[in-house]
Amino acid sequence: MTDRSPRKARPMLPSDLGTMRTVMAADRTLMAWVRTSLSMLSFSFTIYKFLETAAKQDVIARSDSPQQVGLFLAGMGTLAMVLGVASYWMTLKDLQRTESFRLGRPSLIIAAIMMLAGVALFAGIAGRVV
């Protein structure tokens, strides 16, 4: 005998208010990680272009400094995003042990986009010939 009833979809949020508040707190924390990562990534690009211009005008002694500083900041921004997503994912997986809900959240999608942007920025700076 087979059960032909439609499969129940997981709810977006848990029904328990305490768990729901914890999920929303995890969302806010992840968005803070996104904000921090975005700051580091944008600053890495800005300081890279500023130092690159200074190097072309012979204002700074080492011509590889812009690339090193840009790579460091882009790497730190990307690492911040990876650590934020890992922490968020572990929190949601722990909460899912008590009640079933969907893990696909908008803040997680934004964080994934930020990680890809960080990797692209890092590769772009690394690929530039000084």
N, C-alpha and C. Protein backbone atom coordinates (compact mmCIF):
# COMPACT_ATOMS: atom_id res chain seq x y z
N MET A 1 0.84 -1.17 0.00
CA MET A 1 0.00 0.00 0.00
C MET A 1 0.89 1.24 0.00
N THR A 2 0.71 2.10 -0.96
CA THR A 2 1.53 3.31 -1.06
C THR A 2 0.70 4.52 -0.67
N ASP A 3 1.38 5.46 -0.09
CA ASP A 3 0.73 6.70 0.32
C ASP A 3 0.86 7.71 -0.80
N ARG A 4 -0.27 8.11 -1.38
CA ARG A 4 -0.25 9.05 -2.50
C ARG A 4 -0.60 10.47 -2.07
N SER A 5 -0.57 10.72 -0.80
CA SER A 5 -0.88 12.07 -0.33
C SER A 5 0.26 13.00 -0.68
N PRO A 6 -0.06 14.26 -0.99
CA PRO A 6 1.01 15.19 -1.35
C PRO A 6 1.95 15.43 -0.18
N ARG A 7 3.18 15.59 -0.51
CA ARG A 7 4.21 15.82 0.49
C ARG A 7 4.04 17.21 1.11
N LYS A 8 4.11 17.28 2.43
CA LYS A 8 3.95 18.56 3.10
C LYS A 8 5.23 19.37 2.95
N ALA A 9 5.07 20.61 2.52
CA ALA A 9 6.22 21.50 2.38
C ALA A 9 6.62 22.02 3.75
N ARG A 10 7.90 22.22 3.93
CA ARG A 10 8.38 22.76 5.20
C ARG A 10 7.98 24.23 5.30
N PRO A 11 7.54 24.66 6.46
CA PRO A 11 7.21 26.08 6.61
C PRO A 11 8.47 26.94 6.54
N MET A 12 8.28 28.20 6.14
CA MET A 12 9.41 29.12 6.02
C MET A 12 10.02 29.40 7.39
N LEU A 13 9.17 29.63 8.39
CA LEU A 13 9.64 29.90 9.75
C LEU A 13 9.06 28.87 10.71
N PRO A 14 9.74 28.64 11.83
CA PRO A 14 9.19 27.74 12.83
C PRO A 14 7.94 28.34 13.48
N SER A 15 7.10 27.50 14.06
CA SER A 15 5.88 27.99 14.72
C SER A 15 6.15 28.41 16.16
N ASP A 16 7.19 27.87 16.78
CA ASP A 16 7.55 28.25 18.15
C ASP A 16 8.14 29.66 18.14
N LEU A 17 7.58 30.56 18.97
CA LEU A 17 8.03 31.95 18.95
C LEU A 17 9.48 32.11 19.39
N GLY A 18 9.92 31.31 20.35
CA GLY A 18 11.32 31.40 20.78
C GLY A 18 12.28 31.02 19.67
N THR A 19 11.95 29.95 18.97
CA THR A 19 12.78 29.52 17.85
C THR A 19 12.73 30.55 16.73
N MET A 20 11.55 31.12 16.50
CA MET A 20 11.43 32.12 15.44
C MET A 20 12.26 33.37 15.77
N ARG A 21 12.26 33.79 17.03
CA ARG A 21 13.09 34.93 17.42
C ARG A 21 14.56 34.62 17.24
N THR A 22 14.96 33.39 17.52
CA THR A 22 16.36 33.00 17.34
C THR A 22 16.74 33.00 15.87
N VAL A 23 15.85 32.54 15.00
CA VAL A 23 16.11 32.56 13.57
C VAL A 23 16.25 34.00 13.08
N MET A 24 15.37 34.87 13.54
CA MET A 24 15.45 36.27 13.11
C MET A 24 16.70 36.94 13.66
N ALA A 25 17.12 36.57 14.86
CA ALA A 25 18.38 37.10 15.41
C ALA A 25 19.56 36.61 14.58
N ALA A 26 19.51 35.35 14.15
CA ALA A 26 20.57 34.81 13.29
C ALA A 26 20.59 35.54 11.95
N ASP A 27 19.40 35.87 11.42
CA ASP A 27 19.33 36.66 10.18
C ASP A 27 19.99 38.02 10.36
N ARG A 28 19.69 38.69 11.47
CA ARG A 28 20.29 40.01 11.71
C ARG A 28 21.80 39.90 11.87
N THR A 29 22.26 38.86 12.54
CA THR A 29 23.70 38.67 12.70
C THR A 29 24.38 38.42 11.37
N LEU A 30 23.76 37.60 10.52
CA LEU A 30 24.33 37.35 9.20
C LEU A 30 24.36 38.63 8.38
N MET A 31 23.34 39.45 8.47
CA MET A 31 23.35 40.71 7.73
C MET A 31 24.43 41.65 8.26
N ALA A 32 24.75 41.57 9.54
CA ALA A 32 25.88 42.35 10.08
C ALA A 32 27.20 41.85 9.48
N TRP A 33 27.32 40.53 9.32
CA TRP A 33 28.51 39.97 8.66
C TRP A 33 28.58 40.46 7.21
N VAL A 34 27.42 40.51 6.53
CA VAL A 34 27.38 40.99 5.15
C VAL A 34 27.83 42.45 5.10
N ARG A 35 27.34 43.25 6.04
CA ARG A 35 27.73 44.67 6.08
C ARG A 35 29.23 44.83 6.30
N THR A 36 29.78 44.03 7.21
CA THR A 36 31.22 44.08 7.48
C THR A 36 32.01 43.65 6.25
N SER A 37 31.58 42.57 5.64
CA SER A 37 32.27 42.07 4.45
C SER A 37 32.20 43.08 3.31
N LEU A 38 31.03 43.68 3.11
CA LEU A 38 30.88 44.67 2.06
C LEU A 38 31.80 45.87 2.31
N SER A 39 31.93 46.27 3.56
CA SER A 39 32.83 47.38 3.89
C SER A 39 34.27 47.04 3.54
N MET A 40 34.69 45.83 3.92
CA MET A 40 36.07 45.41 3.62
C MET A 40 36.31 45.30 2.12
N LEU A 41 35.35 44.74 1.41
CA LEU A 41 35.52 44.57 -0.04
C LEU A 41 35.55 45.91 -0.75
N SER A 42 34.66 46.81 -0.38
CA SER A 42 34.67 48.11 -1.05
C SER A 42 35.91 48.91 -0.68
N PHE A 43 36.33 48.81 0.56
CA PHE A 43 37.56 49.51 0.96
C PHE A 43 38.77 48.91 0.26
N SER A 44 38.78 47.58 0.06
CA SER A 44 39.92 46.96 -0.62
C SER A 44 40.04 47.48 -2.04
N PHE A 45 38.92 47.63 -2.74
CA PHE A 45 38.97 48.15 -4.10
C PHE A 45 39.40 49.61 -4.11
N THR A 46 38.85 50.38 -3.19
CA THR A 46 39.18 51.81 -3.14
C THR A 46 40.66 52.04 -2.83
N ILE A 47 41.17 51.38 -1.81
CA ILE A 47 42.57 51.57 -1.42
C ILE A 47 43.50 51.02 -2.50
N TYR A 48 43.08 49.93 -3.17
CA TYR A 48 43.88 49.37 -4.25
C TYR A 48 44.02 50.40 -5.38
N LYS A 49 42.89 51.00 -5.79
CA LYS A 49 42.95 51.98 -6.89
C LYS A 49 43.74 53.23 -6.46
N PHE A 50 43.57 53.67 -5.22
CA PHE A 50 44.29 54.84 -4.73
C PHE A 50 45.80 54.58 -4.72
N LEU A 51 46.20 53.44 -4.18
CA LEU A 51 47.62 53.11 -4.11
C LEU A 51 48.20 52.82 -5.50
N GLU A 52 47.38 52.27 -6.38
CA GLU A 52 47.84 52.01 -7.74
C GLU A 52 48.17 53.33 -8.45
N THR A 53 47.31 54.31 -8.26
CA THR A 53 47.56 55.64 -8.84
C THR A 53 48.81 56.26 -8.24
N ALA A 54 48.98 56.11 -6.93
CA ALA A 54 50.18 56.64 -6.27
C ALA A 54 51.44 55.94 -6.77
N ALA A 55 51.35 54.63 -7.02
CA ALA A 55 52.51 53.88 -7.52
C ALA A 55 52.88 54.31 -8.94
N LYS A 56 51.87 54.60 -9.76
CA LYS A 56 52.14 55.05 -11.13
C LYS A 56 52.79 56.43 -11.16
N GLN A 57 52.52 57.22 -10.14
CA GLN A 57 53.11 58.57 -10.06
C GLN A 57 54.39 58.56 -9.23
N ASP A 58 54.88 57.39 -8.88
CA ASP A 58 56.10 57.20 -8.10
C ASP A 58 56.04 57.89 -6.73
N VAL A 59 54.87 57.94 -6.13
CA VAL A 59 54.72 58.52 -4.80
C VAL A 59 55.09 57.50 -3.73
N ILE A 60 54.84 56.21 -4.02
CA ILE A 60 55.24 55.16 -3.08
C ILE A 60 56.40 54.37 -3.68
N ALA A 61 57.21 53.82 -2.79
CA ALA A 61 58.45 53.17 -3.21
C ALA A 61 58.21 51.82 -3.89
N ARG A 62 57.31 51.03 -3.34
CA ARG A 62 57.10 49.68 -3.87
C ARG A 62 55.88 49.64 -4.76
N SER A 63 56.05 49.18 -5.97
CA SER A 63 54.94 49.15 -6.92
C SER A 63 54.00 47.97 -6.69
N ASP A 64 54.42 46.97 -5.87
CA ASP A 64 53.55 45.83 -5.60
C ASP A 64 52.68 46.05 -4.36
N SER A 65 52.85 47.15 -3.66
CA SER A 65 52.07 47.44 -2.45
C SER A 65 50.56 47.50 -2.70
N PRO A 66 50.10 48.17 -3.77
CA PRO A 66 48.65 48.24 -3.99
C PRO A 66 48.01 46.86 -4.11
N GLN A 67 48.67 45.98 -4.85
CA GLN A 67 48.12 44.65 -5.04
C GLN A 67 48.10 43.87 -3.73
N GLN A 68 49.16 43.95 -2.96
CA GLN A 68 49.22 43.22 -1.69
C GLN A 68 48.14 43.71 -0.72
N VAL A 69 48.00 45.02 -0.60
CA VAL A 69 46.99 45.58 0.31
C VAL A 69 45.59 45.23 -0.18
N GLY A 70 45.34 45.36 -1.48
CA GLY A 70 44.04 45.01 -2.04
C GLY A 70 43.69 43.55 -1.84
N LEU A 71 44.67 42.67 -2.07
CA LEU A 71 44.43 41.24 -1.87
C LEU A 71 44.15 40.92 -0.41
N PHE A 72 44.89 41.55 0.48
CA PHE A 72 44.67 41.29 1.91
C PHE A 72 43.26 41.68 2.33
N LEU A 73 42.85 42.90 1.97
CA LEU A 73 41.53 43.36 2.38
C LEU A 73 40.41 42.58 1.68
N ALA A 74 40.58 42.26 0.41
CA ALA A 74 39.57 41.45 -0.30
C ALA A 74 39.49 40.05 0.30
N GLY A 75 40.63 39.49 0.64
CA GLY A 75 40.65 38.17 1.29
C GLY A 75 39.98 38.19 2.65
N MET A 76 40.24 39.25 3.42
CA MET A 76 39.62 39.36 4.74
C MET A 76 38.11 39.56 4.62
N GLY A 77 37.66 40.35 3.65
CA GLY A 77 36.22 40.53 3.44
C GLY A 77 35.54 39.24 3.04
N THR A 78 36.18 38.48 2.16
CA THR A 78 35.62 37.20 1.73
C THR A 78 35.63 36.20 2.88
N LEU A 79 36.73 36.18 3.63
CA LEU A 79 36.79 35.29 4.79
C LEU A 79 35.73 35.63 5.83
N ALA A 80 35.49 36.91 6.05
CA ALA A 80 34.45 37.33 6.99
C ALA A 80 33.09 36.80 6.54
N MET A 81 32.84 36.84 5.24
CA MET A 81 31.56 36.35 4.73
C MET A 81 31.45 34.85 4.88
N VAL A 82 32.53 34.13 4.62
CA VAL A 82 32.52 32.67 4.76
C VAL A 82 32.28 32.28 6.22
N LEU A 83 32.96 32.96 7.15
CA LEU A 83 32.77 32.65 8.57
C LEU A 83 31.36 33.00 9.03
N GLY A 84 30.82 34.10 8.55
CA GLY A 84 29.45 34.47 8.90
C GLY A 84 28.44 33.46 8.41
N VAL A 85 28.60 33.00 7.18
CA VAL A 85 27.68 31.99 6.62
C VAL A 85 27.82 30.67 7.37
N ALA A 86 29.04 30.27 7.70
CA ALA A 86 29.24 29.02 8.44
C ALA A 86 28.55 29.09 9.80
N SER A 87 28.72 30.19 10.50
CA SER A 87 28.09 30.36 11.80
C SER A 87 26.57 30.35 11.68
N TYR A 88 26.06 31.05 10.70
CA TYR A 88 24.61 31.11 10.45
C TYR A 88 24.06 29.72 10.15
N TRP A 89 24.75 28.99 9.28
CA TRP A 89 24.30 27.66 8.87
C TRP A 89 24.27 26.71 10.06
N MET A 90 25.31 26.78 10.90
CA MET A 90 25.34 25.90 12.08
C MET A 90 24.20 26.24 13.04
N THR A 91 23.91 27.53 13.20
CA THR A 91 22.81 27.94 14.08
C THR A 91 21.48 27.41 13.56
N LEU A 92 21.23 27.56 12.26
CA LEU A 92 19.97 27.08 11.70
C LEU A 92 19.86 25.56 11.75
N LYS A 93 20.96 24.87 11.53
CA LYS A 93 20.93 23.41 11.61
C LYS A 93 20.64 22.95 13.05
N ASP A 94 21.21 23.64 14.03
CA ASP A 94 20.92 23.31 15.43
C ASP A 94 19.45 23.56 15.75
N LEU A 95 18.90 24.65 15.27
CA LEU A 95 17.49 24.96 15.52
C LEU A 95 16.57 23.98 14.80
N GLN A 96 17.01 23.48 13.69
CA GLN A 96 16.17 22.57 12.92
C GLN A 96 16.00 21.22 13.62
N ARG A 97 16.86 20.94 14.58
CA ARG A 97 16.69 19.70 15.35
C ARG A 97 15.42 19.74 16.20
N THR A 98 14.99 20.94 16.60
CA THR A 98 13.80 21.05 17.44
C THR A 98 12.53 21.15 16.60
N GLU A 99 12.61 21.79 15.44
CA GLU A 99 11.43 21.97 14.60
C GLU A 99 11.86 22.13 13.15
N SER A 100 11.10 21.54 12.26
CA SER A 100 11.44 21.57 10.83
C SER A 100 11.00 22.89 10.20
N PHE A 101 11.90 23.52 9.47
CA PHE A 101 11.59 24.72 8.69
C PHE A 101 12.60 24.81 7.56
N ARG A 102 12.30 25.65 6.57
CA ARG A 102 13.19 25.78 5.41
C ARG A 102 14.45 26.55 5.76
N LEU A 103 15.55 26.11 5.21
CA LEU A 103 16.82 26.79 5.46
C LEU A 103 17.12 27.85 4.41
N GLY A 104 16.43 27.84 3.29
CA GLY A 104 16.66 28.83 2.25
C GLY A 104 16.07 30.17 2.65
N ARG A 105 16.87 31.05 3.14
CA ARG A 105 16.42 32.35 3.64
C ARG A 105 17.01 33.45 2.76
N PRO A 106 16.33 34.57 2.62
CA PRO A 106 16.84 35.66 1.77
C PRO A 106 18.22 36.16 2.21
N SER A 107 18.46 36.23 3.51
CA SER A 107 19.76 36.71 3.97
C SER A 107 20.88 35.75 3.56
N LEU A 108 20.57 34.47 3.49
CA LEU A 108 21.57 33.49 3.05
C LEU A 108 21.89 33.66 1.56
N ILE A 109 20.89 34.00 0.77
CA ILE A 109 21.11 34.24 -0.66
C ILE A 109 22.00 35.47 -0.86
N ILE A 110 21.71 36.53 -0.13
CA ILE A 110 22.53 37.75 -0.20
C ILE A 110 23.97 37.44 0.20
N ALA A 111 24.14 36.64 1.26
CA ALA A 111 25.48 36.28 1.73
C ALA A 111 26.22 35.47 0.67
N ALA A 112 25.53 34.57 -0.01
CA ALA A 112 26.17 33.78 -1.07
C ALA A 112 26.62 34.68 -2.22
N ILE A 113 25.80 35.66 -2.56
CA ILE A 113 26.18 36.61 -3.61
C ILE A 113 27.42 37.40 -3.18
N MET A 114 27.46 37.80 -1.92
CA MET A 114 28.61 38.54 -1.40
C MET A 114 29.88 37.69 -1.43
N MET A 115 29.75 36.41 -1.12
CA MET A 115 30.93 35.53 -1.19
C MET A 115 31.46 35.45 -2.62
N LEU A 116 30.56 35.31 -3.57
CA LEU A 116 30.97 35.26 -4.98
C LEU A 116 31.61 36.57 -5.41
N ALA A 117 31.05 37.69 -4.96
CA ALA A 117 31.62 39.00 -5.29
C ALA A 117 33.02 39.14 -4.69
N GLY A 118 33.20 38.62 -3.48
CA GLY A 118 34.52 38.68 -2.84
C GLY A 118 35.55 37.86 -3.59
N VAL A 119 35.15 36.68 -4.02
CA VAL A 119 36.07 35.83 -4.79
C VAL A 119 36.40 36.50 -6.12
N ALA A 120 35.40 37.09 -6.77
CA ALA A 120 35.64 37.77 -8.05
C ALA A 120 36.56 38.97 -7.88
N LEU A 121 36.37 39.75 -6.81
CA LEU A 121 37.23 40.90 -6.56
C LEU A 121 38.66 40.45 -6.27
N PHE A 122 38.80 39.40 -5.46
CA PHE A 122 40.13 38.87 -5.15
C PHE A 122 40.82 38.42 -6.42
N ALA A 123 40.10 37.67 -7.27
CA ALA A 123 40.68 37.19 -8.52
C ALA A 123 41.02 38.35 -9.45
N GLY A 124 40.17 39.38 -9.47
CA GLY A 124 40.43 40.53 -10.32
C GLY A 124 41.70 41.28 -9.91
N ILE A 125 41.87 41.45 -8.61
CA ILE A 125 43.07 42.14 -8.12
C ILE A 125 44.30 41.26 -8.34
N ALA A 126 44.17 39.97 -8.08
CA ALA A 126 45.31 39.05 -8.25
C ALA A 126 45.73 38.94 -9.70
N GLY A 127 44.78 39.07 -10.61
CA GLY A 127 45.08 38.92 -12.03
C GLY A 127 45.66 40.15 -12.67
N ARG A 128 45.63 41.27 -11.97
CA ARG A 128 46.17 42.50 -12.53
C ARG A 128 47.70 42.47 -12.50
N VAL A 129 48.29 42.86 -13.60
CA VAL A 129 49.76 42.95 -13.66
C VAL A 129 50.13 44.33 -13.19
N VAL A 130 50.99 44.36 -12.20
CA VAL A 130 51.39 45.64 -11.61
C VAL A 130 52.41 46.34 -12.46
